[in-house]
């Protein structure tokens, strides 16, 4: 059973059927999924969810496809870890880390791909494709292999080697493009015109794909005992994840699973080497000026973010902030999270933790707030960023050498 009423333009509000559409033919605005929330509320209780699978499909009534027949590698319901040691360092009273590095392919992209390809399969698509900075390519290739679909994924040629390997292993077609992500994305938009029957998850399936990110809000609320946090910190690439997490919390209020109105402050995190959304926010502008990315956080290196203006709007109306952190701050934040909480995050997570540090120091994140920080990928994907790390000491295999080199308290 699906509770989707159709699609709607986010700009002019024009309605569309629930098909493989992504842009309004009148104003070219992006489309989003519309639900019958009254019908959802009639079936989606806490008991209904608890009886469901331990994956994102436990929230199927608020997703654009039914759980039956879902393309499901087990994405979702990752740990929400109370980070008391990190909180103490930052002067916060209650801090939680949502660790999506423990997804099947090591990043939150498994959420959006599971949803997008489930819808695509129901619409009859046989080829799964995407424009990616690496993580999405990993996930599309894996889910397509599981579903018996062909995959053709496109990435910038300078993507981290680990991500290239973690895509190629699934046997699909991996196309390395001589250009940045924005070049790759433009190419994929043209390919959709040539191959309208392909499911390019972040182009013609984008309206459905982005809905998977809402489950990051659903899970946090459930894991907190059906309470919304006071403040969340979310990394920004395209801006879609941030806007959908906000939408997810609002939807929980609409269907009566959390107290309404839901008042969650939303803050965003970008690398300084690719910060068009943070720039617009700090300038008080409603216009996102594209930039040429130059950052170690390649998974966030989107110079012309599709949902950037919507992300700025969410942050402003919820009373949050958007900050940018340098590559040095990113690497430092990766180490900070690892040594305080035992979580090894990729560079995108370093951006989020670095922003958390900055906003806490500025007082934007208040000491008395319940804060959730989203870490969206495993550090094993971006080990090159930490190439300066070496063994503490190197010794010959003798006890004498160890005693001389290492002081044990």
Protein backbone atom coordinates (compact mmCIF):
# COMPACT_ATOMS: atom_id res chain seq x y z
CA UNK A 1 0.00 0.00 0.00
CA UNK A 2 1.33 3.42 -0.92
CA UNK A 3 -0.04 6.74 0.32
CA UNK A 4 1.43 8.87 -2.47
CA UNK A 5 -1.03 11.33 -3.98
CA UNK A 6 1.36 12.40 -6.74
CA UNK A 7 4.14 14.90 -7.36
CA UNK A 8 4.09 18.67 -6.94
CA UNK A 9 6.35 21.47 -8.14
CA UNK A 10 8.22 23.03 -5.22
CA UNK A 11 8.09 26.43 -6.93
CA UNK A 12 4.66 26.92 -8.51
CA UNK A 13 2.74 24.08 -6.82
CA UNK A 14 1.54 22.50 -10.06
CA UNK A 15 0.53 18.82 -9.57
CA UNK A 16 1.95 15.88 -11.55
CA UNK A 17 1.35 12.12 -11.58
CA UNK A 18 3.74 9.84 -9.68
CA UNK A 19 5.91 9.00 -12.69
CA UNK A 20 9.61 9.29 -13.60
CA UNK A 21 9.49 13.09 -13.65
CA UNK A 22 11.81 15.53 -11.94
CA UNK A 23 11.15 19.05 -13.25
CA UNK A 24 8.05 21.17 -13.76
CA UNK A 25 7.30 21.70 -17.45
CA UNK A 26 5.93 25.18 -16.69
CA UNK A 27 8.52 26.81 -14.42
CA UNK A 28 11.30 24.14 -14.42
CA UNK A 29 11.11 23.90 -10.62
CA UNK A 30 11.95 20.58 -8.94
CA UNK A 31 9.19 18.12 -8.09
CA UNK A 32 8.52 16.52 -4.72
CA UNK A 33 6.34 13.68 -3.49
CA UNK A 34 2.96 14.50 -1.89
CA UNK A 35 1.35 12.14 0.63
CA UNK A 36 -2.11 11.65 2.09
CA UNK A 37 -1.06 12.30 5.69
CA UNK A 38 -4.50 11.60 7.12
CA UNK A 39 -4.44 8.12 5.59
CA UNK A 40 -0.86 7.57 6.78
CA UNK A 41 -1.83 8.54 10.33
CA UNK A 42 -4.65 5.99 10.30
CA UNK A 43 -2.19 3.08 9.92
CA UNK A 44 1.26 4.27 10.99
CA UNK A 45 1.45 3.90 14.75
CA UNK A 46 4.50 3.33 16.94
CA UNK A 47 3.40 -0.28 17.28
CA UNK A 48 3.13 -0.64 13.49
CA UNK A 49 6.69 0.63 13.10
CA UNK A 50 8.10 -1.54 15.89
CA UNK A 51 6.62 -4.63 14.23
CA UNK A 52 8.28 -3.79 10.92
CA UNK A 53 11.71 -4.71 9.56
CA UNK A 54 14.89 -3.33 11.14
CA UNK A 55 15.52 -1.28 8.01
CA UNK A 56 14.26 2.00 6.61
CA UNK A 57 11.26 0.14 5.18
CA UNK A 58 9.66 0.08 8.64
CA UNK A 59 8.54 3.62 7.66
CA UNK A 60 7.05 2.58 4.31
CA UNK A 61 3.78 4.58 4.65
CA UNK A 62 5.89 7.78 4.52
CA UNK A 63 7.94 6.55 1.56
CA UNK A 64 6.97 6.56 -2.13
CA UNK A 65 6.83 2.75 -2.48
CA UNK A 66 5.49 -0.21 -0.55
CA UNK A 67 7.92 -2.37 1.43
CA UNK A 68 6.80 -5.51 -0.39
CA UNK A 69 9.27 -6.22 -3.16
CA UNK A 70 11.62 -3.45 -2.05
CA UNK A 71 15.21 -3.43 -3.29
CA UNK A 72 16.58 -3.75 0.20
CA UNK A 73 20.18 -4.53 1.16
CA UNK A 74 19.37 -3.75 4.79
CA UNK A 75 19.83 0.01 4.79
CA UNK A 76 18.66 1.97 7.79
CA UNK A 77 18.38 1.77 11.55
CA UNK A 78 22.03 2.59 12.10
CA UNK A 79 23.25 3.39 15.65
CA UNK A 80 22.48 6.64 17.41
CA UNK A 81 25.37 6.94 19.83
CA UNK A 82 25.45 9.20 22.87
CA UNK A 83 28.75 11.10 22.60
CA UNK A 84 29.45 12.18 26.17
CA UNK A 85 33.23 12.51 25.81
CA UNK A 86 32.97 14.69 22.72
CA UNK A 87 30.18 16.69 24.36
CA UNK A 88 32.39 17.36 27.38
CA UNK A 89 35.17 18.69 25.13
CA UNK A 90 32.73 21.06 23.44
CA UNK A 91 30.82 22.16 26.54
CA UNK A 92 27.55 20.52 25.47
CA UNK A 93 25.20 18.67 27.80
CA UNK A 94 23.67 16.13 25.40
CA UNK A 95 25.20 15.16 22.07
CA UNK A 96 24.36 12.21 19.84
CA UNK A 97 26.09 10.91 16.70
CA UNK A 98 23.97 9.25 14.02
CA UNK A 99 26.53 6.90 12.49
CA UNK A 100 25.51 6.10 8.91
CA UNK A 101 28.98 4.82 8.13
CA UNK A 102 27.58 1.42 9.12
CA UNK A 103 25.28 1.14 6.12
CA UNK A 104 25.70 -1.83 3.69
CA UNK A 105 28.03 0.13 1.37
CA UNK A 106 29.33 2.45 4.07
CA UNK A 107 27.30 5.62 3.54
CA UNK A 108 23.82 7.11 3.88
CA UNK A 109 23.40 6.81 0.10
CA UNK A 110 22.04 3.30 0.67
CA UNK A 111 18.90 4.95 2.02
CA UNK A 112 18.16 7.04 -1.04
CA UNK A 113 19.17 4.33 -3.51
CA UNK A 114 16.98 1.68 -1.88
CA UNK A 115 13.98 4.00 -2.23
CA UNK A 116 14.79 5.28 -5.75
CA UNK A 117 15.44 1.87 -7.29
CA UNK A 118 12.41 0.32 -5.59
CA UNK A 119 10.23 2.95 -7.28
CA UNK A 120 12.16 2.58 -10.53
CA UNK A 121 11.67 -1.18 -10.60
CA UNK A 122 7.94 -0.74 -10.08
CA UNK A 123 7.94 1.71 -13.02
CA UNK A 124 9.68 -0.88 -15.18
CA UNK A 125 13.25 0.46 -15.36
CA UNK A 126 15.96 -2.09 -16.15
CA UNK A 127 19.07 0.12 -15.95
CA UNK A 128 20.19 1.95 -12.82
CA UNK A 129 22.45 4.97 -13.21
CA UNK A 130 23.70 8.03 -11.34
CA UNK A 131 26.02 11.01 -11.26
CA UNK A 132 28.20 10.60 -8.20
CA UNK A 133 31.17 11.78 -6.20
CA UNK A 134 31.73 8.16 -5.17
CA UNK A 135 29.39 7.05 -2.41
CA UNK A 136 26.29 7.07 -4.59
CA UNK A 137 28.11 5.09 -7.27
CA UNK A 138 29.01 2.44 -4.68
CA UNK A 139 25.40 2.17 -3.58
CA UNK A 140 23.77 2.15 -7.03
CA UNK A 141 26.15 -0.55 -8.26
CA UNK A 142 25.50 -2.70 -5.18
CA UNK A 143 21.72 -2.36 -5.18
CA UNK A 144 21.53 -2.94 -8.94
CA UNK A 145 23.58 -6.12 -8.56
CA UNK A 146 21.25 -7.35 -5.80
CA UNK A 147 18.18 -6.60 -7.94
CA UNK A 148 19.56 -8.06 -11.17
CA UNK A 149 19.55 -4.67 -12.89
CA UNK A 150 22.28 -3.30 -15.14
CA UNK A 151 24.17 -0.33 -13.71
CA UNK A 152 25.96 2.54 -15.46
CA UNK A 153 27.43 5.03 -13.00
CA UNK A 154 29.37 8.22 -13.68
CA UNK A 155 32.01 9.80 -11.42
CA UNK A 156 34.70 12.49 -11.69
CA UNK A 157 38.00 10.91 -12.71
CA UNK A 158 39.71 12.13 -9.52
CA UNK A 159 37.38 10.29 -7.10
CA UNK A 160 39.16 8.53 -4.23
CA UNK A 161 40.61 5.15 -5.34
CA UNK A 162 38.77 3.28 -2.57
CA UNK A 163 35.43 4.48 -3.94
CA UNK A 164 36.34 3.45 -7.49
CA UNK A 165 37.20 -0.03 -6.26
CA UNK A 166 34.04 -0.24 -4.15
CA UNK A 167 31.98 0.49 -7.27
CA UNK A 168 33.83 -1.66 -9.82
CA UNK A 169 33.60 -4.78 -7.67
CA UNK A 170 29.84 -5.11 -8.34
CA UNK A 171 30.41 -5.69 -12.05
CA UNK A 172 28.49 -2.78 -13.55
CA UNK A 173 29.77 -0.10 -15.91
CA UNK A 174 31.81 2.63 -14.22
CA UNK A 175 32.44 5.74 -16.31
CA UNK A 176 35.14 8.15 -15.10
CA UNK A 177 34.54 11.64 -16.49
CA UNK A 178 37.29 14.20 -16.98
CA UNK A 179 35.65 16.97 -14.99
CA UNK A 180 34.04 17.78 -11.66
CA UNK A 181 30.74 16.57 -10.26
CA UNK A 182 28.79 19.38 -11.91
CA UNK A 183 30.13 18.26 -15.32
CA UNK A 184 29.14 14.68 -14.52
CA UNK A 185 25.66 15.76 -13.47
CA UNK A 186 25.12 17.75 -16.68
CA UNK A 187 26.18 14.73 -18.72
CA UNK A 188 23.70 12.52 -16.89
CA UNK A 189 20.90 15.01 -17.53
CA UNK A 190 21.67 14.73 -21.25
CA UNK A 191 21.80 10.92 -21.06
CA UNK A 192 18.29 10.83 -19.56
CA UNK A 193 17.09 12.55 -22.74
CA UNK A 194 18.68 9.79 -24.83
CA UNK A 195 17.62 6.96 -22.49
CA UNK A 196 14.34 7.96 -20.78
CA UNK A 197 13.82 4.36 -19.64
CA UNK A 198 16.97 4.48 -17.49
CA UNK A 199 16.58 5.17 -13.79
CA UNK A 200 19.18 7.88 -13.19
CA UNK A 201 18.50 8.04 -9.48
CA UNK A 202 19.50 11.67 -8.89
CA UNK A 203 18.07 13.00 -12.16
CA UNK A 204 14.76 11.60 -13.42
CA UNK A 205 14.18 9.66 -10.17
CA UNK A 206 15.31 12.51 -7.92
CA UNK A 207 11.88 13.25 -6.44
CA UNK A 208 11.72 9.70 -5.05
CA UNK A 209 15.44 9.30 -4.35
CA UNK A 210 15.54 12.29 -2.01
CA UNK A 211 12.71 10.87 0.10
CA UNK A 212 15.06 8.24 1.48
CA UNK A 213 16.91 10.90 3.48
CA UNK A 214 13.79 11.51 5.60
CA UNK A 215 14.42 8.20 7.33
CA UNK A 216 17.42 9.85 9.05
CA UNK A 217 14.86 11.96 10.91
CA UNK A 218 12.42 9.10 11.49
CA UNK A 219 15.08 6.88 13.06
CA UNK A 220 16.52 9.59 15.29
CA UNK A 221 13.08 10.38 16.70
CA UNK A 222 12.33 6.70 17.30
CA UNK A 223 15.74 6.08 18.88
CA UNK A 224 15.20 9.06 21.20
CA UNK A 225 11.93 7.54 22.45
CA UNK A 226 9.77 9.34 19.89
CA UNK A 227 11.14 12.74 20.81
CA UNK A 228 12.57 15.21 18.31
CA UNK A 229 16.01 16.65 19.10
CA UNK A 230 16.47 20.37 19.69
CA UNK A 231 19.20 20.87 17.09
CA UNK A 232 20.69 18.82 14.24
CA UNK A 233 23.89 19.37 12.25
CA UNK A 234 23.81 18.06 8.66
CA UNK A 235 26.46 18.06 5.91
CA UNK A 236 25.57 19.90 2.71
CA UNK A 237 26.47 18.67 -0.77
CA UNK A 238 23.44 19.22 -2.98
CA UNK A 239 21.41 20.38 0.05
CA UNK A 240 18.81 17.65 -0.43
CA UNK A 241 19.67 15.66 2.68
CA UNK A 242 19.28 18.69 4.94
CA UNK A 243 15.90 19.68 3.52
CA UNK A 244 14.57 16.12 3.70
CA UNK A 245 15.69 15.58 7.29
CA UNK A 246 13.72 18.71 8.14
CA UNK A 247 10.74 17.42 6.15
CA UNK A 248 10.99 14.10 7.98
CA UNK A 249 10.65 15.67 11.41
CA UNK A 250 7.70 17.77 10.21
CA UNK A 251 5.97 14.67 8.81
CA UNK A 252 6.29 12.85 12.12
CA UNK A 253 4.37 15.74 13.68
CA UNK A 254 1.72 15.65 10.95
CA UNK A 255 0.96 11.96 11.54
CA UNK A 256 1.07 12.22 15.34
CA UNK A 257 4.25 10.27 16.07
CA UNK A 258 5.93 13.21 17.82
CA UNK A 259 4.54 16.30 19.49
CA UNK A 260 3.44 18.99 17.06
CA UNK A 261 4.50 21.58 16.08
CA UNK A 262 7.99 20.15 15.66
CA UNK A 263 10.65 22.73 16.44
CA UNK A 264 14.03 21.34 15.42
CA UNK A 265 16.80 23.82 14.70
CA UNK A 266 18.71 22.73 11.59
CA UNK A 267 22.32 23.74 10.91
CA UNK A 268 24.40 22.92 7.85
CA UNK A 269 28.06 22.08 7.27
CA UNK A 270 30.19 22.69 4.19
CA UNK A 271 33.91 22.49 3.36
CA UNK A 272 35.46 25.93 2.85
CA UNK A 273 36.77 24.74 -0.52
CA UNK A 274 33.20 24.24 -1.77
CA UNK A 275 30.84 26.41 0.25
CA UNK A 276 28.27 28.05 -2.04
CA UNK A 277 25.42 27.45 0.42
CA UNK A 278 27.40 28.67 3.44
CA UNK A 279 28.41 31.75 1.43
CA UNK A 280 24.81 32.59 0.56
CA UNK A 281 23.75 32.14 4.17
CA UNK A 282 26.50 34.38 5.56
CA UNK A 283 25.79 37.04 2.92
CA UNK A 284 22.05 37.02 3.66
CA UNK A 285 21.41 36.13 0.03
CA UNK A 286 18.73 33.96 -1.55
CA UNK A 287 20.97 33.25 -4.55
CA UNK A 288 23.47 30.42 -4.65
CA UNK A 289 26.54 31.45 -6.64
CA UNK A 290 28.29 28.38 -8.12
CA UNK A 291 31.92 27.77 -7.16
CA UNK A 292 34.75 25.59 -8.44
CA UNK A 293 35.35 22.91 -5.77
CA UNK A 294 38.80 22.51 -4.19
CA UNK A 295 38.45 20.41 -1.05
CA UNK A 296 39.57 17.14 0.50
CA UNK A 297 35.86 16.42 1.17
CA UNK A 298 35.13 15.21 -2.36
CA UNK A 299 31.73 13.76 -1.50
CA UNK A 300 30.54 17.31 -0.75
CA UNK A 301 32.29 18.88 -3.75
CA UNK A 302 29.18 20.08 -5.55
CA UNK A 303 29.79 23.58 -6.84
CA UNK A 304 26.24 24.19 -8.07
CA UNK A 305 23.96 22.50 -5.51
CA UNK A 306 20.46 21.75 -6.79
CA UNK A 307 18.78 22.19 -3.41
CA UNK A 308 21.04 24.89 -2.04
CA UNK A 309 18.41 27.63 -1.93
CA UNK A 310 15.98 25.31 -0.15
CA UNK A 311 18.65 24.39 2.40
CA UNK A 312 19.27 28.06 3.17
CA UNK A 313 15.54 28.60 3.63
CA UNK A 314 15.21 25.67 6.07
CA UNK A 315 18.18 26.82 8.15
CA UNK A 316 16.91 30.39 8.36
CA UNK A 317 13.36 29.54 9.29
CA UNK A 318 14.44 27.06 11.98
CA UNK A 319 16.99 29.40 13.58
CA UNK A 320 20.05 27.37 12.66
CA UNK A 321 23.28 28.36 10.94
CA UNK A 322 25.61 27.21 8.16
CA UNK A 323 29.37 27.18 8.62
CA UNK A 324 32.34 26.22 6.46
CA UNK A 325 35.51 24.51 7.68
CA UNK A 326 38.96 24.25 6.11
CA UNK A 327 40.63 21.03 5.01
CA UNK A 328 42.87 21.25 8.08
CA UNK A 329 39.82 21.57 10.34
CA UNK A 330 38.21 18.62 8.56
CA UNK A 331 41.16 16.32 9.20
CA UNK A 332 41.42 17.52 12.80
CA UNK A 333 37.71 16.84 13.34
CA UNK A 334 38.05 13.30 11.97
CA UNK A 335 40.70 12.65 14.62
CA UNK A 336 38.64 14.34 17.34
CA UNK A 337 35.64 12.09 16.73
CA UNK A 338 37.82 9.00 16.50
CA UNK A 339 39.73 9.57 19.73
CA UNK A 340 36.70 10.65 21.79
CA UNK A 341 34.01 8.28 20.52
CA UNK A 342 35.77 5.53 18.56
CA UNK A 343 34.02 6.47 15.30
CA UNK A 344 36.09 6.73 12.10
CA UNK A 345 34.29 8.99 9.66
CA UNK A 346 35.04 9.97 6.09
CA UNK A 347 35.90 13.55 5.20
CA UNK A 348 32.22 14.56 4.92
CA UNK A 349 31.79 13.56 8.56
CA UNK A 350 34.87 15.62 9.36
CA UNK A 351 33.05 18.60 7.84
CA UNK A 352 30.04 17.95 10.07
CA UNK A 353 32.08 17.49 13.25
CA UNK A 354 34.27 20.48 12.40
CA UNK A 355 31.15 22.59 11.99
CA UNK A 356 29.77 21.25 15.26
CA UNK A 357 32.98 22.40 16.98
CA UNK A 358 32.76 25.83 15.38
CA UNK A 359 29.07 26.43 16.10
CA UNK A 360 29.43 25.22 19.69
CA UNK A 361 32.35 27.62 20.26
CA UNK A 362 30.30 30.49 18.80
CA UNK A 363 27.32 29.69 21.02
CA UNK A 364 25.06 28.98 18.03
CA UNK A 365 24.64 25.46 19.39
CA UNK A 366 23.58 26.03 22.98
CA UNK A 367 24.93 24.03 25.91
CA UNK A 368 21.45 23.02 27.06
CA UNK A 369 20.26 21.62 23.69
CA UNK A 370 19.83 17.97 22.74
CA UNK A 371 22.02 17.88 19.62
CA UNK A 372 22.26 15.23 16.90
CA UNK A 373 25.18 15.30 14.49
CA UNK A 374 24.87 13.29 11.26
CA UNK A 375 27.97 11.32 10.25
CA UNK A 376 27.15 9.97 6.82
CA UNK A 377 30.02 7.70 5.76
CA UNK A 378 32.86 5.48 6.97
CA UNK A 379 36.43 6.74 7.07
CA UNK A 380 37.63 3.67 5.18
CA UNK A 381 36.40 5.41 2.03
CA UNK A 382 38.74 8.41 2.38
CA UNK A 383 41.91 7.14 4.03
CA UNK A 384 44.01 9.15 1.56
CA UNK A 385 43.05 12.31 3.46
CA UNK A 386 44.92 10.94 6.48
CA UNK A 387 48.06 9.85 4.63
CA UNK A 388 50.27 11.74 7.09
CA UNK A 389 49.39 9.32 9.90
CA UNK A 390 52.15 6.87 10.73
CA UNK A 391 52.98 4.28 13.44
CA UNK A 392 53.77 5.84 16.79
CA UNK A 393 57.14 4.08 16.79
CA UNK A 394 58.91 1.42 14.74
CA UNK A 395 61.05 -1.06 16.71
CA UNK A 396 62.88 -4.36 16.30
CA UNK A 397 61.06 -7.39 17.77
CA UNK A 398 62.59 -7.29 21.25
CA UNK A 399 61.23 -6.48 24.68
CA UNK A 400 64.23 -4.23 25.32
CA UNK A 401 63.44 -2.15 22.25
CA UNK A 402 59.79 -1.83 23.30
CA UNK A 403 60.68 -0.72 26.83
CA UNK A 404 63.07 1.88 25.48
CA UNK A 405 60.65 3.27 22.91
CA UNK A 406 57.29 3.19 24.70
CA UNK A 407 56.54 4.63 28.09
CA UNK A 408 53.69 2.68 29.72
CA UNK A 409 51.94 4.34 32.66
